[in-house]
N, C-alpha and C. Protein backbone atom coordinates (compact mmCIF):
# COMPACT_ATOMS: atom_id res chain seq x y z
N MET A 1 125.09 113.69 0.71
CA MET A 1 125.27 112.99 -0.54
C MET A 1 126.10 111.74 -0.29
N SER A 2 125.71 110.65 -0.91
CA SER A 2 126.42 109.40 -0.72
C SER A 2 126.51 108.67 -2.06
N ASP A 3 127.64 108.07 -2.29
CA ASP A 3 127.82 107.24 -3.46
C ASP A 3 128.55 105.99 -3.01
N ASN A 4 128.10 104.83 -3.47
CA ASN A 4 128.67 103.58 -3.02
C ASN A 4 128.94 102.70 -4.22
N THR A 5 130.15 102.17 -4.32
CA THR A 5 130.53 101.30 -5.41
C THR A 5 131.12 100.02 -4.83
N LEU A 6 130.68 98.89 -5.36
CA LEU A 6 131.21 97.61 -4.92
C LEU A 6 131.82 96.94 -6.15
N SER A 7 133.14 96.74 -6.13
CA SER A 7 133.78 96.09 -7.27
C SER A 7 134.30 94.72 -6.83
N LYS A 8 135.14 94.14 -7.66
CA LYS A 8 135.62 92.78 -7.43
C LYS A 8 136.22 92.59 -6.03
N ASP A 9 137.04 93.51 -5.61
CA ASP A 9 137.69 93.32 -4.31
C ASP A 9 137.78 94.60 -3.50
N GLU A 10 136.87 95.52 -3.74
CA GLU A 10 136.91 96.73 -2.91
C GLU A 10 135.54 97.39 -2.84
N ILE A 11 135.37 98.11 -1.76
CA ILE A 11 134.19 98.93 -1.54
C ILE A 11 134.66 100.37 -1.58
N VAL A 12 133.98 101.21 -2.33
CA VAL A 12 134.29 102.63 -2.37
C VAL A 12 133.03 103.40 -1.97
N VAL A 13 133.15 104.22 -0.96
CA VAL A 13 132.03 105.04 -0.51
C VAL A 13 132.47 106.50 -0.53
N GLN A 14 131.67 107.33 -1.19
CA GLN A 14 131.91 108.78 -1.17
C GLN A 14 130.77 109.44 -0.45
N ARG A 15 131.11 110.37 0.42
CA ARG A 15 130.11 111.16 1.13
C ARG A 15 130.59 112.61 1.18
N ILE A 16 129.64 113.50 1.17
CA ILE A 16 129.94 114.90 1.44
C ILE A 16 129.28 115.25 2.76
N PHE A 17 130.10 115.67 3.71
CA PHE A 17 129.62 116.02 5.04
C PHE A 17 129.58 117.53 5.20
N ASN A 18 128.56 118.01 5.86
CA ASN A 18 128.42 119.44 6.16
C ASN A 18 129.24 119.73 7.42
N ALA A 19 130.56 119.60 7.27
CA ALA A 19 131.48 119.78 8.39
C ALA A 19 132.85 120.13 7.85
N PRO A 20 133.63 120.88 8.61
CA PRO A 20 134.98 121.21 8.15
C PRO A 20 135.87 119.96 8.12
N ILE A 21 136.87 120.02 7.28
CA ILE A 21 137.76 118.88 7.06
C ILE A 21 138.48 118.45 8.34
N ASP A 22 138.86 119.42 9.20
CA ASP A 22 139.58 119.04 10.42
C ASP A 22 138.69 118.25 11.37
N LEU A 23 137.38 118.48 11.36
CA LEU A 23 136.48 117.68 12.20
C LEU A 23 136.40 116.25 11.66
N ILE A 24 136.26 116.09 10.37
CA ILE A 24 136.20 114.74 9.79
C ILE A 24 137.50 113.99 10.08
N TRP A 25 138.62 114.68 9.99
CA TRP A 25 139.92 114.06 10.31
C TRP A 25 139.93 113.57 11.76
N ARG A 26 139.47 114.41 12.68
CA ARG A 26 139.43 114.02 14.10
C ARG A 26 138.52 112.81 14.32
N LEU A 27 137.41 112.73 13.57
CA LEU A 27 136.50 111.60 13.73
C LEU A 27 137.18 110.28 13.37
N TRP A 28 138.12 110.33 12.44
CA TRP A 28 138.86 109.14 12.03
C TRP A 28 140.07 108.84 12.92
N THR A 29 140.60 109.85 13.61
CA THR A 29 141.91 109.68 14.25
C THR A 29 141.91 109.85 15.77
N GLN A 30 140.83 110.30 16.36
CA GLN A 30 140.78 110.47 17.81
C GLN A 30 139.80 109.47 18.41
N PRO A 31 140.29 108.59 19.28
CA PRO A 31 139.46 107.49 19.80
C PRO A 31 138.12 107.94 20.36
N GLU A 32 138.07 109.04 21.10
CA GLU A 32 136.80 109.45 21.71
C GLU A 32 135.75 109.79 20.66
N HIS A 33 136.18 110.31 19.50
CA HIS A 33 135.25 110.58 18.41
C HIS A 33 134.97 109.29 17.61
N PHE A 34 136.02 108.54 17.32
CA PHE A 34 135.90 107.31 16.52
C PHE A 34 134.88 106.36 17.13
N LYS A 35 134.91 106.21 18.45
CA LYS A 35 134.00 105.30 19.15
C LYS A 35 132.54 105.69 18.95
N SER A 36 132.29 106.96 18.67
CA SER A 36 130.92 107.46 18.58
C SER A 36 130.23 107.13 17.27
N TRP A 37 130.99 106.77 16.25
CA TRP A 37 130.35 106.54 14.95
C TRP A 37 130.72 105.23 14.27
N TYR A 38 131.84 104.64 14.61
CA TYR A 38 132.36 103.50 13.86
C TYR A 38 131.48 102.26 14.05
N GLY A 39 131.34 101.50 12.99
CA GLY A 39 130.61 100.24 13.02
C GLY A 39 129.16 100.38 12.59
N PRO A 40 128.57 99.25 12.19
CA PRO A 40 127.17 99.25 11.76
C PRO A 40 126.22 99.59 12.91
N GLN A 41 124.96 99.88 12.56
CA GLN A 41 123.93 100.14 13.56
C GLN A 41 123.85 98.96 14.52
N GLY A 42 123.64 99.26 15.79
CA GLY A 42 123.49 98.21 16.79
C GLY A 42 124.79 97.76 17.42
N LEU A 43 125.91 98.24 16.89
CA LEU A 43 127.20 97.91 17.48
C LEU A 43 127.78 99.13 18.17
N SER A 44 128.42 98.91 19.30
CA SER A 44 129.15 99.98 19.98
C SER A 44 130.64 99.68 19.86
N VAL A 45 131.46 100.65 20.20
CA VAL A 45 132.91 100.50 20.14
C VAL A 45 133.47 100.81 21.54
N PRO A 46 133.60 99.79 22.39
CA PRO A 46 134.12 100.03 23.73
C PRO A 46 135.63 100.26 23.77
N VAL A 47 136.35 99.78 22.75
CA VAL A 47 137.81 99.92 22.71
C VAL A 47 138.23 100.46 21.35
N ALA A 48 139.01 101.56 21.37
CA ALA A 48 139.64 102.09 20.15
C ALA A 48 141.01 102.63 20.56
N GLU A 49 142.03 101.80 20.39
CA GLU A 49 143.41 102.21 20.66
C GLU A 49 144.02 102.58 19.32
N MET A 50 144.46 103.84 19.20
CA MET A 50 144.90 104.34 17.90
C MET A 50 146.18 105.16 18.04
N ASP A 51 147.28 104.62 17.54
CA ASP A 51 148.56 105.32 17.50
C ASP A 51 148.72 105.82 16.07
N VAL A 52 148.10 106.98 15.79
CA VAL A 52 147.96 107.47 14.42
C VAL A 52 149.26 108.13 13.96
N ARG A 53 150.15 107.28 13.47
CA ARG A 53 151.41 107.71 12.85
C ARG A 53 151.86 106.55 11.98
N VAL A 54 152.67 106.82 10.97
CA VAL A 54 153.13 105.74 10.10
C VAL A 54 153.84 104.69 10.97
N GLY A 55 153.40 103.45 10.85
CA GLY A 55 153.94 102.36 11.66
C GLY A 55 153.20 102.17 12.96
N GLY A 56 152.32 103.10 13.33
CA GLY A 56 151.54 102.99 14.56
C GLY A 56 150.48 101.91 14.43
N LYS A 57 150.11 101.35 15.55
CA LYS A 57 149.13 100.26 15.56
C LYS A 57 147.75 100.77 15.97
N ARG A 58 146.75 99.97 15.59
CA ARG A 58 145.38 100.25 16.00
C ARG A 58 144.75 98.96 16.48
N LEU A 59 143.89 99.05 17.46
CA LEU A 59 143.14 97.91 17.98
C LEU A 59 141.74 98.41 18.29
N VAL A 60 140.75 97.80 17.65
CA VAL A 60 139.36 98.24 17.79
C VAL A 60 138.49 97.06 18.15
N CYS A 61 137.57 97.28 19.07
CA CYS A 61 136.59 96.25 19.43
C CYS A 61 135.20 96.80 19.13
N MET A 62 134.44 96.05 18.33
CA MET A 62 133.03 96.35 18.13
C MET A 62 132.24 95.33 18.94
N GLU A 63 131.17 95.79 19.57
CA GLU A 63 130.41 94.93 20.47
C GLU A 63 128.91 95.05 20.18
N ARG A 64 128.25 93.90 20.21
CA ARG A 64 126.79 93.86 20.04
C ARG A 64 126.21 93.07 21.21
N GLN A 65 125.13 93.57 21.77
CA GLN A 65 124.44 92.85 22.84
C GLN A 65 123.47 91.87 22.18
N THR A 66 123.53 90.61 22.60
CA THR A 66 122.64 89.58 22.07
C THR A 66 121.90 88.94 23.24
N PRO A 67 120.86 88.16 22.97
CA PRO A 67 120.17 87.45 24.06
C PRO A 67 121.11 86.55 24.87
N ASN A 68 122.19 86.11 24.23
CA ASN A 68 123.15 85.24 24.92
C ASN A 68 124.30 86.01 25.54
N GLY A 69 124.19 87.35 25.57
CA GLY A 69 125.25 88.17 26.15
C GLY A 69 125.97 88.98 25.09
N SER A 70 127.10 89.51 25.47
CA SER A 70 127.88 90.38 24.60
C SER A 70 128.66 89.59 23.56
N MET A 71 128.61 90.06 22.30
CA MET A 71 129.42 89.48 21.23
C MET A 71 130.44 90.55 20.82
N LYS A 72 131.72 90.22 20.87
CA LYS A 72 132.77 91.18 20.53
C LYS A 72 133.52 90.74 19.28
N MET A 73 133.84 91.72 18.44
CA MET A 73 134.66 91.47 17.26
C MET A 73 135.84 92.45 17.30
N TRP A 74 137.03 91.92 17.31
CA TRP A 74 138.25 92.72 17.39
C TRP A 74 138.90 92.82 16.02
N THR A 75 139.46 94.00 15.73
CA THR A 75 140.29 94.18 14.54
C THR A 75 141.55 94.91 14.94
N THR A 76 142.59 94.68 14.17
CA THR A 76 143.87 95.34 14.41
C THR A 76 144.43 95.78 13.07
N GLY A 77 145.42 96.62 13.12
CA GLY A 77 146.06 97.07 11.89
C GLY A 77 147.20 98.00 12.17
N GLU A 78 147.78 98.48 11.08
CA GLU A 78 148.92 99.39 11.15
C GLU A 78 148.66 100.56 10.21
N TYR A 79 149.02 101.74 10.67
CA TYR A 79 148.88 102.94 9.83
C TYR A 79 150.03 102.97 8.82
N LEU A 80 149.67 103.06 7.54
CA LEU A 80 150.66 103.06 6.47
C LEU A 80 150.96 104.47 5.96
N GLU A 81 149.93 105.33 5.94
CA GLU A 81 150.09 106.73 5.51
C GLU A 81 149.23 107.61 6.40
N VAL A 82 149.81 108.71 6.83
CA VAL A 82 149.07 109.68 7.65
C VAL A 82 149.45 111.08 7.16
N VAL A 83 148.53 111.70 6.44
CA VAL A 83 148.70 113.08 5.97
C VAL A 83 147.52 113.86 6.54
N PRO A 84 147.72 114.58 7.66
CA PRO A 84 146.61 115.23 8.34
C PRO A 84 145.70 116.02 7.40
N ASN A 85 144.40 115.81 7.62
CA ASN A 85 143.33 116.49 6.89
C ASN A 85 143.30 116.16 5.40
N GLN A 86 144.03 115.12 4.98
CA GLN A 86 144.06 114.75 3.56
C GLN A 86 143.92 113.25 3.32
N ARG A 87 144.79 112.45 3.95
CA ARG A 87 144.87 111.03 3.58
C ARG A 87 145.23 110.19 4.80
N LEU A 88 144.49 109.09 4.96
CA LEU A 88 144.75 108.14 6.03
C LEU A 88 144.64 106.74 5.41
N VAL A 89 145.68 105.93 5.59
CA VAL A 89 145.69 104.57 5.05
C VAL A 89 146.14 103.63 6.17
N TYR A 90 145.34 102.56 6.38
CA TYR A 90 145.72 101.58 7.40
C TYR A 90 145.29 100.19 6.97
N THR A 91 145.97 99.19 7.53
CA THR A 91 145.58 97.80 7.31
C THR A 91 144.52 97.43 8.33
N ASP A 92 143.77 96.38 8.01
CA ASP A 92 142.70 95.94 8.90
C ASP A 92 142.65 94.41 8.86
N SER A 93 142.74 93.80 10.04
CA SER A 93 142.70 92.34 10.15
C SER A 93 141.85 91.96 11.36
N PHE A 94 141.19 90.81 11.28
CA PHE A 94 140.52 90.29 12.46
C PHE A 94 141.60 90.00 13.50
N ALA A 95 141.23 90.14 14.77
CA ALA A 95 142.22 89.99 15.83
C ALA A 95 141.58 89.43 17.09
N ASP A 96 142.43 89.11 18.06
CA ASP A 96 141.95 88.83 19.40
C ASP A 96 142.11 90.10 20.23
N GLU A 97 141.71 90.05 21.47
CA GLU A 97 141.73 91.26 22.31
C GLU A 97 143.13 91.78 22.60
N HIS A 98 144.16 91.01 22.26
CA HIS A 98 145.55 91.44 22.47
C HIS A 98 146.17 92.01 21.19
N GLY A 99 145.40 92.04 20.11
CA GLY A 99 145.90 92.58 18.86
C GLY A 99 146.60 91.56 17.98
N ASN A 100 146.52 90.28 18.33
CA ASN A 100 147.09 89.23 17.50
C ASN A 100 146.14 88.94 16.34
N VAL A 101 146.66 88.88 15.12
CA VAL A 101 145.83 88.62 13.94
C VAL A 101 145.21 87.23 14.04
N VAL A 102 143.92 87.17 13.72
CA VAL A 102 143.17 85.91 13.69
C VAL A 102 142.77 85.67 12.24
N LEU A 103 143.10 84.50 11.71
CA LEU A 103 142.76 84.18 10.33
C LEU A 103 141.25 84.08 10.15
N PRO A 104 140.75 84.48 8.99
CA PRO A 104 139.31 84.40 8.74
C PRO A 104 138.75 82.99 8.95
N SER A 105 139.53 81.95 8.66
CA SER A 105 139.05 80.57 8.84
C SER A 105 138.71 80.28 10.31
N ALA A 106 139.40 80.93 11.22
CA ALA A 106 139.12 80.74 12.64
C ALA A 106 137.76 81.32 13.02
N LEU A 107 137.22 82.19 12.14
CA LEU A 107 135.92 82.81 12.36
C LEU A 107 134.85 82.21 11.44
N GLY A 108 135.18 81.07 10.81
CA GLY A 108 134.22 80.38 9.97
C GLY A 108 134.16 80.89 8.54
N MET A 109 135.14 81.70 8.12
CA MET A 109 135.19 82.20 6.75
C MET A 109 136.22 81.41 5.95
N ASN A 110 136.11 81.49 4.64
CA ASN A 110 137.05 80.82 3.75
C ASN A 110 138.27 81.71 3.55
N ASP A 111 139.45 81.23 3.96
CA ASP A 111 140.68 82.03 3.81
C ASP A 111 140.94 82.40 2.35
N GLY A 112 140.54 81.53 1.42
CA GLY A 112 140.76 81.82 0.01
C GLY A 112 139.88 82.93 -0.52
N GLU A 113 138.74 83.16 0.13
CA GLU A 113 137.82 84.20 -0.31
C GLU A 113 137.97 85.50 0.47
N HIS A 114 138.42 85.39 1.69
CA HIS A 114 138.56 86.58 2.54
C HIS A 114 140.00 86.67 3.02
N PRO A 115 140.73 87.69 2.57
CA PRO A 115 142.14 87.78 2.97
C PRO A 115 142.29 88.07 4.47
N ALA A 116 143.44 87.70 5.00
CA ALA A 116 143.71 87.95 6.41
C ALA A 116 143.84 89.44 6.68
N THR A 117 144.31 90.20 5.69
CA THR A 117 144.51 91.65 5.86
C THR A 117 143.88 92.40 4.70
N THR A 118 143.13 93.43 5.04
CA THR A 118 142.57 94.32 4.03
C THR A 118 143.15 95.71 4.27
N LYS A 119 142.82 96.65 3.40
CA LYS A 119 143.38 97.99 3.52
C LYS A 119 142.26 99.02 3.39
N VAL A 120 142.28 100.01 4.27
CA VAL A 120 141.31 101.11 4.24
C VAL A 120 142.06 102.39 3.90
N THR A 121 141.56 103.11 2.90
CA THR A 121 142.13 104.40 2.49
C THR A 121 141.03 105.45 2.61
N VAL A 122 141.34 106.52 3.31
CA VAL A 122 140.39 107.63 3.48
C VAL A 122 141.02 108.87 2.87
N LEU A 123 140.34 109.45 1.88
CA LEU A 123 140.78 110.70 1.26
C LEU A 123 139.80 111.78 1.61
N LEU A 124 140.32 112.94 2.02
CA LEU A 124 139.47 114.08 2.39
C LEU A 124 139.78 115.25 1.48
N GLU A 125 138.71 115.95 1.07
CA GLU A 125 138.85 117.11 0.20
C GLU A 125 137.94 118.21 0.71
N GLU A 126 138.49 119.39 0.88
CA GLU A 126 137.74 120.54 1.38
C GLU A 126 136.88 121.13 0.27
N LEU A 127 135.59 121.38 0.60
CA LEU A 127 134.65 121.95 -0.37
C LEU A 127 133.92 123.13 0.28
N ASP A 128 134.57 124.28 0.36
CA ASP A 128 133.93 125.48 0.92
C ASP A 128 133.26 125.22 2.27
N GLY A 129 134.01 124.69 3.21
CA GLY A 129 133.49 124.46 4.55
C GLY A 129 132.86 123.09 4.74
N ARG A 130 132.62 122.40 3.66
CA ARG A 130 132.14 121.03 3.73
C ARG A 130 133.31 120.11 3.39
N THR A 131 133.10 118.81 3.57
CA THR A 131 134.18 117.86 3.32
C THR A 131 133.69 116.71 2.46
N LYS A 132 134.42 116.46 1.38
CA LYS A 132 134.18 115.28 0.56
C LYS A 132 135.11 114.19 1.07
N MET A 133 134.53 113.06 1.46
CA MET A 133 135.29 111.93 1.95
C MET A 133 135.12 110.77 0.98
N THR A 134 136.24 110.19 0.58
CA THR A 134 136.21 108.97 -0.23
C THR A 134 136.92 107.89 0.57
N MET A 135 136.17 106.85 0.94
CA MET A 135 136.73 105.74 1.70
C MET A 135 136.75 104.52 0.77
N THR A 136 137.93 103.91 0.66
CA THR A 136 138.09 102.69 -0.14
C THR A 136 138.56 101.58 0.78
N HIS A 137 137.82 100.49 0.82
CA HIS A 137 138.21 99.32 1.61
C HIS A 137 138.57 98.23 0.61
N THR A 138 139.87 97.98 0.46
CA THR A 138 140.40 97.04 -0.53
C THR A 138 140.63 95.68 0.11
N GLY A 139 140.23 94.64 -0.63
CA GLY A 139 140.43 93.27 -0.16
C GLY A 139 139.15 92.61 0.29
N ILE A 140 138.06 93.34 0.30
CA ILE A 140 136.77 92.78 0.70
C ILE A 140 136.21 91.98 -0.47
N PRO A 141 135.81 90.74 -0.27
CA PRO A 141 135.25 89.95 -1.37
C PRO A 141 134.01 90.61 -1.96
N ALA A 142 133.86 90.47 -3.27
CA ALA A 142 132.74 91.11 -3.97
C ALA A 142 131.39 90.65 -3.45
N ASN A 143 131.30 89.44 -2.93
CA ASN A 143 130.01 88.93 -2.46
C ASN A 143 129.70 89.36 -1.03
N GLU A 144 130.54 90.15 -0.44
CA GLU A 144 130.35 90.53 0.95
C GLU A 144 129.57 91.85 1.04
N GLN A 145 128.30 91.78 0.73
CA GLN A 145 127.43 92.96 0.77
C GLN A 145 127.32 93.52 2.19
N GLY A 146 127.47 92.66 3.19
CA GLY A 146 127.35 93.11 4.58
C GLY A 146 128.37 94.18 4.93
N ALA A 147 129.58 94.05 4.40
CA ALA A 147 130.61 95.06 4.69
C ALA A 147 130.24 96.40 4.09
N SER A 148 129.70 96.37 2.89
CA SER A 148 129.27 97.61 2.24
C SER A 148 128.15 98.28 3.04
N ALA A 149 127.16 97.49 3.43
CA ALA A 149 126.06 98.02 4.23
C ALA A 149 126.57 98.54 5.58
N GLY A 150 127.53 97.81 6.16
CA GLY A 150 128.10 98.24 7.44
C GLY A 150 128.77 99.60 7.35
N TRP A 151 129.54 99.82 6.28
CA TRP A 151 130.18 101.13 6.10
C TRP A 151 129.12 102.22 5.93
N GLN A 152 128.07 101.94 5.14
CA GLN A 152 127.02 102.94 4.94
C GLN A 152 126.37 103.30 6.28
N GLN A 153 126.09 102.30 7.10
CA GLN A 153 125.49 102.55 8.41
C GLN A 153 126.44 103.33 9.30
N ALA A 154 127.72 103.00 9.25
CA ALA A 154 128.70 103.74 10.05
C ALA A 154 128.73 105.21 9.64
N PHE A 155 128.70 105.48 8.33
CA PHE A 155 128.75 106.87 7.88
C PHE A 155 127.45 107.60 8.17
N ASP A 156 126.32 106.88 8.22
CA ASP A 156 125.08 107.49 8.69
C ASP A 156 125.24 107.91 10.15
N LYS A 157 125.85 107.04 10.97
CA LYS A 157 126.12 107.37 12.37
C LYS A 157 127.07 108.56 12.47
N MET A 158 128.08 108.60 11.58
CA MET A 158 129.01 109.73 11.57
C MET A 158 128.26 111.03 11.30
N GLU A 159 127.36 111.00 10.32
CA GLU A 159 126.59 112.19 9.98
C GLU A 159 125.74 112.66 11.17
N ALA A 160 125.10 111.74 11.85
CA ALA A 160 124.30 112.08 13.03
C ALA A 160 125.18 112.64 14.14
N TYR A 161 126.36 112.05 14.31
CA TYR A 161 127.30 112.53 15.32
C TYR A 161 127.77 113.94 15.00
N ILE A 162 128.04 114.21 13.74
CA ILE A 162 128.45 115.56 13.31
C ILE A 162 127.37 116.57 13.66
N GLU A 163 126.12 116.22 13.40
CA GLU A 163 125.01 117.13 13.71
C GLU A 163 124.92 117.45 15.19
N THR A 164 125.08 116.42 16.04
CA THR A 164 125.01 116.66 17.49
C THR A 164 126.25 117.39 17.98
N THR A 165 127.41 117.07 17.39
CA THR A 165 128.65 117.74 17.79
C THR A 165 128.63 119.19 17.36
N ALA A 166 128.20 119.44 16.12
CA ALA A 166 128.15 120.82 15.61
C ALA A 166 127.14 121.64 16.40
N ASN A 167 126.01 121.04 16.75
CA ASN A 167 125.00 121.76 17.51
C ASN A 167 125.44 122.02 18.95
N ALA A 168 126.36 121.20 19.46
CA ALA A 168 126.84 121.37 20.82
C ALA A 168 127.89 122.48 20.90
N ASN A 169 128.49 122.84 19.76
CA ASN A 169 129.56 123.85 19.77
C ASN A 169 129.00 125.23 19.55
């Protein structure tokens, strides 16, 4: 089940996964799992450095192969709230490979329309062995349909990963 809402400055996606809550938590907080599902279709995640604690930093690289070679997009952020198996909140900013914030204007975007820092909130709720996940990405411009589609594709990848992981256990 999936529900997607796009408002003035946030994307809200709800999904119910046929997986226990602790597995969904690990998919968000353990780099080896995170790399397997994060990002839209066609992108891989070669780097996911995650110090999952309040004040801890994160650095993620998404990569796409193009005819002209590899295209990399880096993001960085800080964990603001960490409540295992319940709530995860972190900031998200474009970055360079060293984790330095890069302003949207440096990437050809309008700074007035796209903030330098956005916030991602993940809420998890146990439903008799399944997990209801509500992800809210705050600060995304309303006209940025690509981000909404990207999250949907990422969660489709998460669902496929859960199926292969569950079948492997």
